[in-house]
C-alpha atoms as a PDB file:
ATOM      1  CA  UNK A   1     -22.207  25.729  14.941  1.00  0.00           C
ATOM      2  CA  UNK A   2     -24.900  22.256  15.052  1.00  0.00           C
ATOM      3  CA  UNK A   3     -25.743  23.234  11.432  1.00  0.00           C
ATOM      4  CA  UNK A   4     -22.070  23.257  10.228  1.00  0.00           C
ATOM      5  CA  UNK A   5     -21.431  19.418  12.099  1.00  0.00           C
ATOM      6  CA  UNK A   6     -24.398  18.285  10.657  1.00  0.00           C
ATOM      7  CA  UNK A   7     -23.619  19.263   6.930  1.00  0.00           C
ATOM      8  CA  UNK A   8     -22.842  16.422   4.589  1.00  0.00           C
ATOM      9  CA  UNK A   9     -19.706  16.189   3.528  1.00  0.00           C
ATOM     10  CA  UNK A  10     -18.716  16.511  -0.045  1.00  0.00           C
ATOM     11  CA  UNK A  11     -18.858  13.138  -1.960  1.00  0.00           C
ATOM     12  CA  UNK A  12     -17.301  14.077  -5.459  1.00  0.00           C
ATOM     13  CA  UNK A  13     -14.281  15.009  -6.134  1.00  0.00           C
ATOM     14  CA  UNK A  14     -13.551  17.773  -9.169  1.00  0.00           C
ATOM     15  CA  UNK A  15     -12.253  16.376 -12.528  1.00  0.00           C
ATOM     16  CA  UNK A  16      -8.797  16.871 -11.604  1.00  0.00           C
ATOM     17  CA  UNK A  17      -8.703  14.860  -8.392  1.00  0.00           C
ATOM     18  CA  UNK A  18      -9.842  12.160 -10.624  1.00  0.00           C
ATOM     19  CA  UNK A  19      -7.009  12.785 -13.015  1.00  0.00           C
ATOM     20  CA  UNK A  20      -4.268  12.936 -10.491  1.00  0.00           C
ATOM     21  CA  UNK A  21      -5.418   9.757  -9.078  1.00  0.00           C
ATOM     22  CA  UNK A  22      -6.242   7.592 -11.972  1.00  0.00           C
ATOM     23  CA  UNK A  23      -6.650   8.356 -15.548  1.00  0.00           C
ATOM     24  CA  UNK A  24      -3.316   9.972 -16.106  1.00  0.00           C
ATOM     25  CA  UNK A  25      -1.414   8.137 -13.042  1.00  0.00           C
ATOM     26  CA  UNK A  26       1.594   5.628 -14.105  1.00  0.00           C
ATOM     27  CA  UNK A  27       3.179   2.931 -12.880  1.00  0.00           C
ATOM     28  CA  UNK A  28       6.650   4.498 -12.455  1.00  0.00           C
ATOM     29  CA  UNK A  29       9.989   2.398 -14.039  1.00  0.00           C
ATOM     30  CA  UNK A  30      12.263   5.214 -13.224  1.00  0.00           C
ATOM     31  CA  UNK A  31      12.945   7.705 -11.107  1.00  0.00           C
ATOM     32  CA  UNK A  32      14.120  10.977 -10.247  1.00  0.00           C
ATOM     33  CA  UNK A  33      16.742  12.074  -7.804  1.00  0.00           C
ATOM     34  CA  UNK A  34      14.517  13.720  -5.626  1.00  0.00           C
ATOM     35  CA  UNK A  35      13.999  12.813  -2.090  1.00  0.00           C
ATOM     36  CA  UNK A  36      10.477  11.849  -0.125  1.00  0.00           C
ATOM     37  CA  UNK A  37      10.926  13.448   3.629  1.00  0.00           C
ATOM     38  CA  UNK A  38      10.266  11.199   6.338  1.00  0.00           C
ATOM     39  CA  UNK A  39       7.606  13.905   7.195  1.00  0.00           C
ATOM     40  CA  UNK A  40       6.093  12.734   4.213  1.00  0.00           C
ATOM     41  CA  UNK A  41       5.861   9.089   4.580  1.00  0.00           C
ATOM     42  CA  UNK A  42       4.348   9.805   8.244  1.00  0.00           C
ATOM     43  CA  UNK A  43       1.654  12.424   6.291  1.00  0.00           C
ATOM     44  CA  UNK A  44       1.238   8.715   3.856  1.00  0.00           C
ATOM     45  CA  UNK A  45       0.173   6.253   6.487  1.00  0.00           C
ATOM     46  CA  UNK A  46      -1.907   9.091   8.617  1.00  0.00           C
ATOM     47  CA  UNK A  47      -3.592   9.040   5.007  1.00  0.00           C
ATOM     48  CA  UNK A  48      -4.239   5.475   4.999  1.00  0.00           C
ATOM     49  CA  UNK A  49      -5.147   4.640   8.292  1.00  0.00           C
ATOM     50  CA  UNK A  50      -8.380   6.432   7.871  1.00  0.00           C
ATOM     51  CA  UNK A  51      -9.070   4.200   5.278  1.00  0.00           C
ATOM     52  CA  UNK A  52     -12.063   1.521   6.216  1.00  0.00           C
ATOM     53  CA  UNK A  53     -11.243  -2.589   6.755  1.00  0.00           C
ATOM     54  CA  UNK A  54     -12.987  -4.994   8.045  1.00  0.00           C
ATOM     55  CA  UNK A  55     -13.787  -4.403  12.058  1.00  0.00           C
ATOM     56  CA  UNK A  56     -11.309  -2.114  11.252  1.00  0.00           C
ATOM     57  CA  UNK A  57      -8.238  -4.435  11.724  1.00  0.00           C
ATOM     58  CA  UNK A  58      -5.754  -2.787   9.850  1.00  0.00           C
ATOM     59  CA  UNK A  59      -3.487  -5.693   9.224  1.00  0.00           C
ATOM     60  CA  UNK A  60      -1.512  -3.576   6.757  1.00  0.00           C
ATOM     61  CA  UNK A  61       2.475  -3.579   7.942  1.00  0.00           C
ATOM     62  CA  UNK A  62       4.958  -0.839   6.309  1.00  0.00           C
ATOM     63  CA  UNK A  63       8.472  -1.045   5.858  1.00  0.00           C
ATOM     64  CA  UNK A  64      10.183   1.835   4.647  1.00  0.00           C
ATOM     65  CA  UNK A  65      13.844   1.236   2.844  1.00  0.00           C
ATOM     66  CA  UNK A  66      15.495   4.916   2.438  1.00  0.00           C
ATOM     67  CA  UNK A  67      19.228   3.879   2.610  1.00  0.00           C
ATOM     68  CA  UNK A  68      21.783   2.273   0.331  1.00  0.00           C
ATOM     69  CA  UNK A  69      21.967  -0.486   2.930  1.00  0.00           C
ATOM     70  CA  UNK A  70      18.340  -1.079   3.469  1.00  0.00           C
ATOM     71  CA  UNK A  71      17.949  -1.315  -0.088  1.00  0.00           C
ATOM     72  CA  UNK A  72      20.901  -4.141  -0.544  1.00  0.00           C
ATOM     73  CA  UNK A  73      18.806  -6.277   2.038  1.00  0.00           C
ATOM     74  CA  UNK A  74      16.182  -6.217  -0.970  1.00  0.00           C
ATOM     75  CA  UNK A  75      17.706  -6.464  -3.955  1.00  0.00           C
ATOM     76  CA  UNK A  76      18.862 -10.479  -3.918  1.00  0.00           C
ATOM     77  CA  UNK A  77      14.781 -10.867  -3.411  1.00  0.00           C
ATOM     78  CA  UNK A  78      14.254  -9.300  -6.796  1.00  0.00           C
ATOM     79  CA  UNK A  79      13.629  -9.719  -9.964  1.00  0.00           C
ATOM     80  CA  UNK A  80      16.261  -8.881 -12.769  1.00  0.00           C
ATOM     81  CA  UNK A  81      14.105  -6.249 -14.083  1.00  0.00           C
ATOM     82  CA  UNK A  82      12.905  -4.728 -11.004  1.00  0.00           C
ATOM     83  CA  UNK A  83      16.553  -4.484  -9.520  1.00  0.00           C
ATOM     84  CA  UNK A  84      17.637  -1.208 -11.054  1.00  0.00           C
ATOM     85  CA  UNK A  85      14.434   0.974 -10.673  1.00  0.00           C
ATOM     86  CA  UNK A  86      14.468  -0.038  -7.110  1.00  0.00           C
ATOM     87  CA  UNK A  87      17.982   1.405  -6.593  1.00  0.00           C
ATOM     88  CA  UNK A  88      16.877   4.380  -8.134  1.00  0.00           C
ATOM     89  CA  UNK A  89      13.974   5.135  -6.316  1.00  0.00           C
ATOM     90  CA  UNK A  90      13.931   7.309  -3.163  1.00  0.00           C
ATOM     91  CA  UNK A  91      12.206   4.606  -1.252  1.00  0.00           C
ATOM     92  CA  UNK A  92      10.908   1.395  -1.756  1.00  0.00           C
ATOM     93  CA  UNK A  93       7.928   0.111   0.734  1.00  0.00           C
ATOM     94  CA  UNK A  94       7.510  -3.586   2.002  1.00  0.00           C
ATOM     95  CA  UNK A  95       3.564  -3.740   1.730  1.00  0.00           C
ATOM     96  CA  UNK A  96       2.755  -6.497   4.425  1.00  0.00           C
ATOM     97  CA  UNK A  97       0.323  -8.042   6.907  1.00  0.00           C
ATOM     98  CA  UNK A  98       0.607  -9.068  10.836  1.00  0.00           C
ATOM     99  CA  UNK A  99      -0.423 -12.009  10.791  1.00  0.00           C
ATOM    100  CA  UNK A 100      -1.431 -11.937  14.564  1.00  0.00           C
ATOM    101  CA  UNK A 101      -3.486  -8.343  13.907  1.00  0.00           C
ATOM    102  CA  UNK A 102      -6.391  -9.377  16.383  1.00  0.00           C
ATOM    103  CA  UNK A 103      -3.625  -9.099  19.759  1.00  0.00           C
ATOM    104  CA  UNK A 104      -4.782  -4.847  19.315  1.00  0.00           C
ATOM    105  CA  UNK A 105      -8.435  -5.391  18.299  1.00  0.00           C
ATOM    106  CA  UNK A 106      -9.125  -4.389  21.674  1.00  0.00           C
ATOM    107  CA  UNK A 107      -7.730  -1.365  20.997  1.00  0.00           C
ATOM    108  CA  UNK A 108      -9.285  -1.027  17.693  1.00  0.00           C
ATOM    109  CA  UNK A 109     -13.100  -1.678  17.587  1.00  0.00           C
ATOM    110  CA  UNK A 110     -15.367  -1.482  20.157  1.00  0.00           C
ATOM    111  CA  UNK A 111     -16.275  -4.921  20.561  1.00  0.00           C
ATOM    112  CA  UNK A 112     -12.814  -6.604  22.438  1.00  0.00           C
ATOM    113  CA  UNK A 113     -13.929 -10.233  21.679  1.00  0.00           C
ATOM    114  CA  UNK A 114     -13.656 -10.349  18.494  1.00  0.00           C
ATOM    115  CA  UNK A 115      -9.936 -11.054  18.976  1.00  0.00           C
ATOM    116  CA  UNK A 116     -11.185 -14.683  20.291  1.00  0.00           C
ATOM    117  CA  UNK A 117     -12.894 -14.975  17.029  1.00  0.00           C
ATOM    118  CA  UNK A 118     -10.131 -14.430  14.577  1.00  0.00           C
ATOM    119  CA  UNK A 119      -7.639 -15.910  17.413  1.00  0.00           C
ATOM    120  CA  UNK A 120      -9.495 -19.068  17.480  1.00  0.00           C
ATOM    121  CA  UNK A 121      -9.843 -19.265  13.702  1.00  0.00           C
ATOM    122  CA  UNK A 122      -6.400 -19.300  11.757  1.00  0.00           C
ATOM    123  CA  UNK A 123      -7.994 -19.920   8.576  1.00  0.00           C
ATOM    124  CA  UNK A 124     -10.696 -17.360   9.296  1.00  0.00           C
ATOM    125  CA  UNK A 125      -7.545 -15.317  10.372  1.00  0.00           C
ATOM    126  CA  UNK A 126      -5.514 -15.483   7.277  1.00  0.00           C
ATOM    127  CA  UNK A 127      -7.489 -14.870   4.930  1.00  0.00           C
ATOM    128  CA  UNK A 128      -9.051 -11.453   6.679  1.00  0.00           C
ATOM    129  CA  UNK A 129      -5.369 -10.260   7.075  1.00  0.00           C
ATOM    130  CA  UNK A 130      -4.515 -10.737   3.727  1.00  0.00           C
ATOM    131  CA  UNK A 131      -7.787  -9.097   2.126  1.00  0.00           C
ATOM    132  CA  UNK A 132      -7.594  -6.129   4.154  1.00  0.00           C
ATOM    133  CA  UNK A 133      -3.510  -5.272   4.151  1.00  0.00           C
ATOM    134  CA  UNK A 134      -4.396  -5.813   0.391  1.00  0.00           C
ATOM    135  CA  UNK A 135      -7.352  -3.423   0.445  1.00  0.00           C
ATOM    136  CA  UNK A 136      -4.941  -0.649   2.517  1.00  0.00           C
ATOM    137  CA  UNK A 137      -2.152  -1.406  -0.446  1.00  0.00           C
ATOM    138  CA  UNK A 138      -4.446  -0.098  -2.789  1.00  0.00           C
ATOM    139  CA  UNK A 139      -5.537   2.939  -0.363  1.00  0.00           C
ATOM    140  CA  UNK A 140      -1.741   3.754   0.073  1.00  0.00           C
ATOM    141  CA  UNK A 141      -1.121   3.693  -3.750  1.00  0.00           C
ATOM    142  CA  UNK A 142      -3.988   6.609  -4.229  1.00  0.00           C
ATOM    143  CA  UNK A 143      -2.746   8.161  -0.883  1.00  0.00           C
ATOM    144  CA  UNK A 144       0.648   8.701  -2.162  1.00  0.00           C
ATOM    145  CA  UNK A 145      -0.509  10.128  -5.674  1.00  0.00           C
ATOM    146  CA  UNK A 146      -3.033  12.468  -3.304  1.00  0.00           C
ATOM    147  CA  UNK A 147       0.272  13.881  -1.420  1.00  0.00           C
ATOM    148  CA  UNK A 148       1.911  14.559  -4.640  1.00  0.00           C
ATOM    149  CA  UNK A 149       3.909  11.385  -4.962  1.00  0.00           C
ATOM    150  CA  UNK A 150       4.641   8.440  -7.770  1.00  0.00           C
ATOM    151  CA  UNK A 151       4.625   4.472  -6.930  1.00  0.00           C
ATOM    152  CA  UNK A 152       5.544   1.924  -8.664  1.00  0.00           C
ATOM    153  CA  UNK A 153       4.508  -1.073  -7.221  1.00  0.00           C
ATOM    154  CA  UNK A 154       5.738  -4.773  -8.010  1.00  0.00           C
ATOM    155  CA  UNK A 155       5.149  -7.942  -7.893  1.00  0.00           C
ATOM    156  CA  UNK A 156       8.397  -9.185  -9.360  1.00  0.00           C
ATOM    157  CA  UNK A 157      10.182 -10.608  -5.816  1.00  0.00           C
ATOM    158  CA  UNK A 158      10.738 -13.678  -3.918  1.00  0.00           C
ATOM    159  CA  UNK A 159       8.509 -13.033  -0.603  1.00  0.00           C
ATOM    160  CA  UNK A 160      10.531 -16.114   1.061  1.00  0.00           C
ATOM    161  CA  UNK A 161      13.602 -14.082   0.732  1.00  0.00           C
ATOM    162  CA  UNK A 162      11.684 -11.055   1.990  1.00  0.00           C
ATOM    163  CA  UNK A 163       9.772 -12.556   4.805  1.00  0.00           C
ATOM    164  CA  UNK A 164      13.359 -14.427   5.820  1.00  0.00           C
ATOM    165  CA  UNK A 165      15.409 -11.285   5.937  1.00  0.00           C
ATOM    166  CA  UNK A 166      12.978  -8.139   7.358  1.00  0.00           C
ATOM    167  CA  UNK A 167      10.993 -10.702   9.349  1.00  0.00           C
ATOM    168  CA  UNK A 168      12.229 -13.122  10.708  1.00  0.00           C
ATOM    169  CA  UNK A 169      10.138 -13.903  13.994  1.00  0.00           C
ATOM    170  CA  UNK A 170       7.604 -14.570  10.911  1.00  0.00           C
ATOM    171  CA  UNK A 171       4.587 -12.526  12.323  1.00  0.00           C
ATOM    172  CA  UNK A 172       4.481 -10.060   9.923  1.00  0.00           C
ATOM    173  CA  UNK A 173       4.884 -10.922   5.970  1.00  0.00           C
ATOM    174  CA  UNK A 174       5.210  -9.649   2.752  1.00  0.00           C
ATOM    175  CA  UNK A 175       2.410  -8.678   0.158  1.00  0.00           C
ATOM    176  CA  UNK A 176       3.922  -6.838  -2.442  1.00  0.00           C
ATOM    177  CA  UNK A 177       6.370  -4.253  -3.123  1.00  0.00           C
ATOM    178  CA  UNK A 178       6.306  -0.365  -4.070  1.00  0.00           C
ATOM    179  CA  UNK A 179       8.929   2.357  -4.939  1.00  0.00           C
ATOM    180  CA  UNK A 180       7.742   5.573  -4.075  1.00  0.00           C
ATOM    181  CA  UNK A 181       9.015   9.117  -5.253  1.00  0.00           C
ATOM    182  CA  UNK A 182       8.669  11.530  -8.198  1.00  0.00           C
ATOM    183  CA  UNK A 183       9.009   9.119 -11.196  1.00  0.00           C
ATOM    184  CA  UNK A 184      11.275  10.070 -14.802  1.00  0.00           C
ATOM    185  CA  UNK A 185       8.615  10.758 -17.336  1.00  0.00           C
ATOM    186  CA  UNK A 186      11.025   9.598 -20.078  1.00  0.00           C
ATOM    187  CA  UNK A 187      11.072   6.421 -18.883  1.00  0.00           C
ATOM    188  CA  UNK A 188       7.689   5.159 -18.821  1.00  0.00           C
ATOM    189  CA  UNK A 189       6.257   2.510 -20.822  1.00  0.00           C
ATOM    190  CA  UNK A 190       2.987   3.563 -22.933  1.00  0.00           C
ATOM    191  CA  UNK A 191      -0.177   2.815 -21.236  1.00  0.00           C
ATOM    192  CA  UNK A 192      -1.848  -0.280 -21.565  1.00  0.00           C
ATOM    193  CA  UNK A 193      -5.239  -1.026 -22.747  1.00  0.00           C
ATOM    194  CA  UNK A 194      -7.553  -1.117 -19.459  1.00  0.00           C
ATOM    195  CA  UNK A 195     -11.030  -3.737 -20.213  1.00  0.00           C
ATOM    196  CA  UNK A 196     -13.949  -2.153 -20.899  1.00  0.00           C
ATOM    197  CA  UNK A 197     -17.116  -2.005 -18.932  1.00  0.00           C
ATOM    198  CA  UNK A 198     -18.595  -4.869 -21.379  1.00  0.00           C
ATOM    199  CA  UNK A 199     -15.594  -7.353 -20.635  1.00  0.00           C
ATOM    200  CA  UNK A 200     -15.088  -7.188 -16.623  1.00  0.00           C
ATOM    201  CA  UNK A 201     -18.623  -5.942 -15.048  1.00  0.00           C
ATOM    202  CA  UNK A 202     -21.855  -6.899 -15.304  1.00  0.00           C
ATOM    203  CA  UNK A 203     -25.371  -5.359 -14.838  1.00  0.00           C
ATOM    204  CA  UNK A 204     -28.220  -7.889 -12.791  1.00  0.00           C
END
């Protein structure tokens, strides 16, 4: 039994997984009418929360819009090009962050005094929350793909309107939006060029 417990976890996934998560996965612009069960959304979050964040701070907060009534509250904040595909999507996620994430840190981190580090330094708290919530948003997209779902992340929206409509107390704030479900392959755009290694990287 000890040998099993001490065995290293596998570090590399196979090419099929890389294809599903990255090289053949696409940002979706249209959606099939296939529902996403609440159990799948709960499983999605269960996977995402395992990803690393600074001092395990976990500042990302999610609102899952699943009904026509919920979507109707969001539509006025969207840019024109995002309206119809958001109406079609089975789920639209508001991916946000908790400006007071540090209040939960005594239950999340082995040094409870970390709470005061952020509570007493608003600039540090804000930068930590936004950076790590965005990091978790990346995990969210990959986790959704790993569970067989398609994603359509969007930044074309009025954040102030979203915050006023959904986060009236000001504690949570919207970062980006992401449609979720099973994409319609007939509505995909052509794949755009990615930067080559030498354009984006340096070896020092």
